[in-house]
Amino acid sequence: MGEERDLLEGLLLELRRGVLVLSVLSQMGEAKYGYALVQSLAEQGVSIDPNTLYPLLRRLEKQGLLESSWETGGTKPRKYYKRTIEGDRIFSELKEQWRVMAAGIEQLLGETE
């Protein structure tokens, strides 16, 4: 039973990885800092641990899909992230591919019921 649970958890982790990239990009049309992004995603039913989010934000920035800037005017400095023009283009393409794949998956899952 433990091996089956481990297998399921590993497969769910793989499934979530790609979905999280799309989820994060979907929220970055306007500049947000990390904690606000965690809250925004949670409100939409997508939970993400900050220890997963921050490395993902840095990776997306390194890939040129996000840009960041520091705001130091508040009580504590915050790093804000926003999609770049390239990020907008990639997000649009990913969104379209998601819709195509989701429709195909829904059809496949319907066949098994």
N, C-alpha and C. Protein backbone atom coordinates (compact mmCIF):
# COMPACT_ATOMS: atom_id res chain seq x y z
N MET A 1 0.81 -1.19 0.00
CA MET A 1 0.00 0.00 0.00
C MET A 1 0.86 1.26 0.00
N GLY A 2 1.99 1.24 0.72
CA GLY A 2 2.88 2.39 0.78
C GLY A 2 3.50 2.71 -0.57
N GLU A 3 3.87 1.68 -1.33
CA GLU A 3 4.46 1.89 -2.66
C GLU A 3 3.44 2.51 -3.60
N GLU A 4 2.20 2.07 -3.51
CA GLU A 4 1.14 2.61 -4.36
C GLU A 4 0.92 4.09 -4.04
N ARG A 5 0.93 4.43 -2.76
CA ARG A 5 0.75 5.83 -2.33
C ARG A 5 1.92 6.68 -2.83
N ASP A 6 3.13 6.17 -2.72
CA ASP A 6 4.31 6.88 -3.20
C ASP A 6 4.23 7.11 -4.70
N LEU A 7 3.79 6.10 -5.43
CA LEU A 7 3.63 6.22 -6.88
C LEU A 7 2.63 7.31 -7.21
N LEU A 8 1.46 7.28 -6.55
CA LEU A 8 0.43 8.27 -6.79
C LEU A 8 0.94 9.68 -6.48
N GLU A 9 1.61 9.84 -5.36
CA GLU A 9 2.13 11.16 -4.99
C GLU A 9 3.14 11.66 -6.00
N GLY A 10 4.00 10.78 -6.51
CA GLY A 10 4.97 11.16 -7.53
C GLY A 10 4.30 11.60 -8.82
N LEU A 11 3.27 10.88 -9.23
CA LEU A 11 2.55 11.22 -10.45
C LEU A 11 1.79 12.55 -10.30
N LEU A 12 1.21 12.76 -9.12
CA LEU A 12 0.52 14.02 -8.87
C LEU A 12 1.50 15.20 -8.88
N LEU A 13 2.69 14.98 -8.35
CA LEU A 13 3.72 16.02 -8.36
C LEU A 13 4.10 16.39 -9.79
N GLU A 14 4.29 15.39 -10.64
CA GLU A 14 4.60 15.65 -12.05
C GLU A 14 3.48 16.44 -12.72
N LEU A 15 2.26 16.06 -12.46
CA LEU A 15 1.11 16.75 -13.04
C LEU A 15 1.05 18.21 -12.61
N ARG A 16 1.31 18.46 -11.33
CA ARG A 16 1.24 19.82 -10.79
C ARG A 16 2.34 20.74 -11.33
N ARG A 17 3.51 20.20 -11.61
CA ARG A 17 4.64 21.05 -12.03
C ARG A 17 4.29 21.91 -13.24
N GLY A 18 3.80 21.31 -14.29
CA GLY A 18 3.45 22.07 -15.48
C GLY A 18 2.27 22.99 -15.26
N VAL A 19 1.32 22.53 -14.47
CA VAL A 19 0.14 23.34 -14.19
C VAL A 19 0.53 24.59 -13.39
N LEU A 20 1.49 24.46 -12.50
CA LEU A 20 1.91 25.61 -11.70
C LEU A 20 2.55 26.69 -12.55
N VAL A 21 3.33 26.31 -13.55
CA VAL A 21 3.93 27.31 -14.43
C VAL A 21 2.84 28.11 -15.12
N LEU A 22 1.87 27.42 -15.69
CA LEU A 22 0.76 28.09 -16.36
C LEU A 22 -0.04 28.94 -15.38
N SER A 23 -0.27 28.41 -14.19
CA SER A 23 -1.03 29.14 -13.17
C SER A 23 -0.32 30.43 -12.77
N VAL A 24 0.97 30.35 -12.54
CA VAL A 24 1.74 31.53 -12.14
C VAL A 24 1.74 32.55 -13.28
N LEU A 25 2.03 32.12 -14.48
CA LEU A 25 2.04 33.05 -15.61
C LEU A 25 0.69 33.73 -15.79
N SER A 26 -0.40 33.00 -15.50
CA SER A 26 -1.73 33.58 -15.67
C SER A 26 -1.97 34.77 -14.75
N GLN A 27 -1.28 34.81 -13.64
CA GLN A 27 -1.50 35.85 -12.64
C GLN A 27 -0.53 37.03 -12.76
N MET A 28 0.41 36.96 -13.70
CA MET A 28 1.48 37.93 -13.73
C MET A 28 1.30 39.03 -14.79
N GLY A 29 0.07 39.25 -15.25
CA GLY A 29 -0.19 40.36 -16.17
C GLY A 29 0.05 41.70 -15.50
N GLU A 30 -0.20 41.74 -14.19
CA GLU A 30 0.09 42.92 -13.38
C GLU A 30 1.13 42.52 -12.35
N ALA A 31 1.95 43.47 -11.95
CA ALA A 31 3.03 43.18 -11.01
C ALA A 31 2.47 42.71 -9.66
N LYS A 32 3.06 41.63 -9.16
CA LYS A 32 2.69 41.08 -7.86
C LYS A 32 3.96 40.64 -7.14
N TYR A 33 3.92 40.70 -5.82
CA TYR A 33 5.01 40.14 -5.03
C TYR A 33 4.59 38.74 -4.60
N GLY A 34 5.55 37.96 -4.15
CA GLY A 34 5.35 36.54 -3.90
C GLY A 34 4.18 36.18 -3.02
N TYR A 35 4.06 36.80 -1.85
CA TYR A 35 2.99 36.42 -0.94
C TYR A 35 1.62 36.75 -1.53
N ALA A 36 1.51 37.89 -2.22
CA ALA A 36 0.25 38.25 -2.87
C ALA A 36 -0.10 37.22 -3.95
N LEU A 37 0.91 36.70 -4.62
CA LEU A 37 0.69 35.68 -5.64
C LEU A 37 0.21 34.37 -5.01
N VAL A 38 0.80 33.98 -3.88
CA VAL A 38 0.36 32.79 -3.16
C VAL A 38 -1.12 32.93 -2.80
N GLN A 39 -1.50 34.09 -2.29
CA GLN A 39 -2.89 34.33 -1.91
C GLN A 39 -3.82 34.33 -3.13
N SER A 40 -3.40 34.99 -4.19
CA SER A 40 -4.20 35.07 -5.41
C SER A 40 -4.46 33.68 -5.98
N LEU A 41 -3.43 32.86 -6.04
CA LEU A 41 -3.59 31.51 -6.55
C LEU A 41 -4.50 30.68 -5.63
N ALA A 42 -4.32 30.82 -4.33
CA ALA A 42 -5.14 30.06 -3.37
C ALA A 42 -6.61 30.42 -3.52
N GLU A 43 -6.90 31.70 -3.75
CA GLU A 43 -8.28 32.13 -3.95
C GLU A 43 -8.91 31.48 -5.18
N GLN A 44 -8.07 31.11 -6.14
CA GLN A 44 -8.55 30.47 -7.36
C GLN A 44 -8.51 28.95 -7.26
N GLY A 45 -8.14 28.43 -6.09
CA GLY A 45 -8.12 26.99 -5.87
C GLY A 45 -6.82 26.30 -6.23
N VAL A 46 -5.76 27.09 -6.44
CA VAL A 46 -4.44 26.53 -6.76
C VAL A 46 -3.50 26.85 -5.61
N SER A 47 -3.21 25.84 -4.81
CA SER A 47 -2.30 26.08 -3.69
C SER A 47 -0.86 25.87 -4.15
N ILE A 48 0.00 26.73 -3.64
CA ILE A 48 1.43 26.61 -3.94
C ILE A 48 2.21 27.02 -2.70
N ASP A 49 3.16 26.21 -2.35
CA ASP A 49 4.00 26.49 -1.20
C ASP A 49 5.00 27.58 -1.58
N PRO A 50 5.24 28.56 -0.70
CA PRO A 50 6.24 29.59 -1.01
C PRO A 50 7.61 29.01 -1.37
N ASN A 51 7.97 27.86 -0.77
CA ASN A 51 9.25 27.23 -1.09
C ASN A 51 9.28 26.66 -2.50
N THR A 52 8.14 26.51 -3.11
CA THR A 52 8.04 26.12 -4.52
C THR A 52 7.94 27.35 -5.39
N LEU A 53 7.20 28.34 -4.93
CA LEU A 53 6.94 29.54 -5.74
C LEU A 53 8.19 30.35 -6.01
N TYR A 54 8.96 30.66 -5.00
CA TYR A 54 10.08 31.59 -5.20
C TYR A 54 11.14 31.06 -6.17
N PRO A 55 11.52 29.79 -6.08
CA PRO A 55 12.44 29.28 -7.10
C PRO A 55 11.82 29.30 -8.50
N LEU A 56 10.51 29.05 -8.59
CA LEU A 56 9.82 29.10 -9.88
C LEU A 56 9.85 30.52 -10.45
N LEU A 57 9.59 31.52 -9.62
CA LEU A 57 9.64 32.90 -10.08
C LEU A 57 11.04 33.26 -10.59
N ARG A 58 12.05 32.85 -9.85
CA ARG A 58 13.43 33.14 -10.29
C ARG A 58 13.75 32.45 -11.61
N ARG A 59 13.28 31.21 -11.77
CA ARG A 59 13.53 30.48 -13.02
C ARG A 59 12.81 31.14 -14.19
N LEU A 60 11.56 31.54 -13.99
CA LEU A 60 10.82 32.20 -15.06
C LEU A 60 11.45 33.55 -15.43
N GLU A 61 12.01 34.22 -14.43
CA GLU A 61 12.72 35.48 -14.71
C GLU A 61 13.99 35.20 -15.51
N LYS A 62 14.72 34.19 -15.11
CA LYS A 62 15.95 33.83 -15.83
C LYS A 62 15.65 33.44 -17.28
N GLN A 63 14.49 32.82 -17.50
CA GLN A 63 14.08 32.43 -18.85
C GLN A 63 13.54 33.60 -19.67
N GLY A 64 13.42 34.77 -19.04
CA GLY A 64 12.96 35.95 -19.76
C GLY A 64 11.45 36.09 -19.83
N LEU A 65 10.73 35.30 -19.05
CA LEU A 65 9.26 35.34 -19.09
C LEU A 65 8.69 36.32 -18.06
N LEU A 66 9.47 36.60 -17.03
CA LEU A 66 9.09 37.57 -16.00
C LEU A 66 10.22 38.57 -15.83
N GLU A 67 9.85 39.74 -15.36
CA GLU A 67 10.85 40.74 -14.96
C GLU A 67 10.51 41.15 -13.54
N SER A 68 11.49 41.61 -12.80
CA SER A 68 11.24 41.97 -11.41
C SER A 68 11.75 43.38 -11.12
N SER A 69 11.17 43.95 -10.09
CA SER A 69 11.63 45.25 -9.59
C SER A 69 11.35 45.31 -8.10
N TRP A 70 12.20 46.05 -7.40
CA TRP A 70 12.04 46.18 -5.96
C TRP A 70 11.25 47.44 -5.65
N GLU A 71 10.35 47.33 -4.70
CA GLU A 71 9.66 48.50 -4.17
C GLU A 71 10.10 48.64 -2.72
N THR A 72 10.68 49.77 -2.42
CA THR A 72 11.24 49.97 -1.08
C THR A 72 10.49 51.04 -0.29
N GLY A 73 9.38 51.54 -0.82
CA GLY A 73 8.66 52.63 -0.16
C GLY A 73 7.81 52.21 1.02
N GLY A 74 7.50 50.94 1.16
CA GLY A 74 6.63 50.48 2.24
C GLY A 74 7.40 50.17 3.50
N THR A 75 6.75 49.42 4.37
CA THR A 75 7.38 49.06 5.64
C THR A 75 8.55 48.11 5.46
N LYS A 76 8.47 47.28 4.41
CA LYS A 76 9.60 46.41 4.11
C LYS A 76 9.73 46.28 2.59
N PRO A 77 10.94 46.12 2.09
CA PRO A 77 11.12 46.01 0.63
C PRO A 77 10.43 44.76 0.09
N ARG A 78 9.84 44.91 -1.10
CA ARG A 78 9.19 43.78 -1.76
C ARG A 78 9.64 43.71 -3.20
N LYS A 79 9.86 42.48 -3.63
CA LYS A 79 10.23 42.25 -5.02
C LYS A 79 8.97 41.89 -5.79
N TYR A 80 8.67 42.70 -6.80
CA TYR A 80 7.49 42.49 -7.63
C TYR A 80 7.90 41.85 -8.96
N TYR A 81 7.06 40.95 -9.43
CA TYR A 81 7.28 40.26 -10.70
C TYR A 81 6.13 40.58 -11.64
N LYS A 82 6.45 40.62 -12.94
CA LYS A 82 5.44 40.88 -13.97
C LYS A 82 5.89 40.17 -15.24
N ARG A 83 4.92 39.71 -16.04
CA ARG A 83 5.26 39.08 -17.32
C ARG A 83 5.93 40.09 -18.24
N THR A 84 6.91 39.63 -18.98
CA THR A 84 7.54 40.42 -20.02
C THR A 84 6.72 40.29 -21.30
N ILE A 85 7.10 41.00 -22.34
CA ILE A 85 6.43 40.84 -23.64
C ILE A 85 6.59 39.40 -24.12
N GLU A 86 7.78 38.85 -23.97
CA GLU A 86 8.00 37.44 -24.33
C GLU A 86 7.17 36.54 -23.45
N GLY A 87 7.04 36.87 -22.17
CA GLY A 87 6.21 36.10 -21.26
C GLY A 87 4.74 36.12 -21.68
N ASP A 88 4.28 37.28 -22.15
CA ASP A 88 2.91 37.39 -22.66
C ASP A 88 2.71 36.46 -23.85
N ARG A 89 3.68 36.44 -24.74
CA ARG A 89 3.58 35.61 -25.95
C ARG A 89 3.57 34.13 -25.58
N ILE A 90 4.50 33.73 -24.71
CA ILE A 90 4.58 32.34 -24.29
C ILE A 90 3.33 31.93 -23.52
N PHE A 91 2.85 32.81 -22.64
CA PHE A 91 1.64 32.52 -21.88
C PHE A 91 0.46 32.29 -22.82
N SER A 92 0.33 33.12 -23.82
CA SER A 92 -0.76 32.97 -24.78
C SER A 92 -0.69 31.62 -25.49
N GLU A 93 0.51 31.23 -25.90
CA GLU A 93 0.68 29.93 -26.57
C GLU A 93 0.41 28.77 -25.62
N LEU A 94 0.91 28.86 -24.39
CA LEU A 94 0.67 27.81 -23.40
C LEU A 94 -0.82 27.67 -23.09
N LYS A 95 -1.49 28.81 -22.99
CA LYS A 95 -2.92 28.81 -22.70
C LYS A 95 -3.69 28.09 -23.81
N GLU A 96 -3.34 28.37 -25.05
CA GLU A 96 -4.01 27.71 -26.17
C GLU A 96 -3.73 26.21 -26.16
N GLN A 97 -2.48 25.84 -25.93
CA GLN A 97 -2.13 24.42 -25.87
C GLN A 97 -2.85 23.73 -24.71
N TRP A 98 -2.97 24.41 -23.58
CA TRP A 98 -3.69 23.85 -22.44
C TRP A 98 -5.13 23.53 -22.83
N ARG A 99 -5.78 24.47 -23.50
CA ARG A 99 -7.18 24.27 -23.89
C ARG A 99 -7.33 23.08 -24.83
N VAL A 100 -6.42 22.94 -25.77
CA VAL A 100 -6.47 21.81 -26.70
C VAL A 100 -6.25 20.50 -25.95
N MET A 101 -5.22 20.47 -25.10
CA MET A 101 -4.91 19.25 -24.35
C MET A 101 -6.03 18.91 -23.36
N ALA A 102 -6.56 19.90 -22.68
CA ALA A 102 -7.62 19.66 -21.69
C ALA A 102 -8.86 19.08 -22.38
N ALA A 103 -9.19 19.61 -23.54
CA ALA A 103 -10.34 19.08 -24.28
C ALA A 103 -10.09 17.63 -24.68
N GLY A 104 -8.89 17.32 -25.12
CA GLY A 104 -8.55 15.95 -25.49
C GLY A 104 -8.59 15.02 -24.31
N ILE A 105 -8.06 15.48 -23.18
CA ILE A 105 -8.06 14.66 -21.96
C ILE A 105 -9.49 14.42 -21.49
N GLU A 106 -10.32 15.45 -21.52
CA GLU A 106 -11.72 15.31 -21.12
C GLU A 106 -12.41 14.26 -21.99
N GLN A 107 -12.11 14.29 -23.28
CA GLN A 107 -12.70 13.29 -24.18
C GLN A 107 -12.21 11.89 -23.82
N LEU A 108 -10.91 11.75 -23.58
CA LEU A 108 -10.37 10.45 -23.20
C LEU A 108 -10.97 9.95 -21.89
N LEU A 109 -11.09 10.83 -20.91
CA LEU A 109 -11.63 10.42 -19.62
C LEU A 109 -13.11 10.05 -19.73
N GLY A 110 -13.83 10.72 -20.61
CA GLY A 110 -15.23 10.40 -20.83
C GLY A 110 -15.41 9.02 -21.42
N GLU A 111 -14.43 8.60 -22.22
CA GLU A 111 -14.51 7.27 -22.83
C GLU A 111 -14.32 6.15 -21.81
N THR A 112 -13.68 6.45 -20.69
CA THR A 112 -13.41 5.40 -19.70
C THR A 112 -14.53 5.26 -18.67
N GLU A 113 -15.52 6.12 -18.73
CA GLU A 113 -16.61 6.07 -17.72
C GLU A 113 -17.69 5.10 -18.15
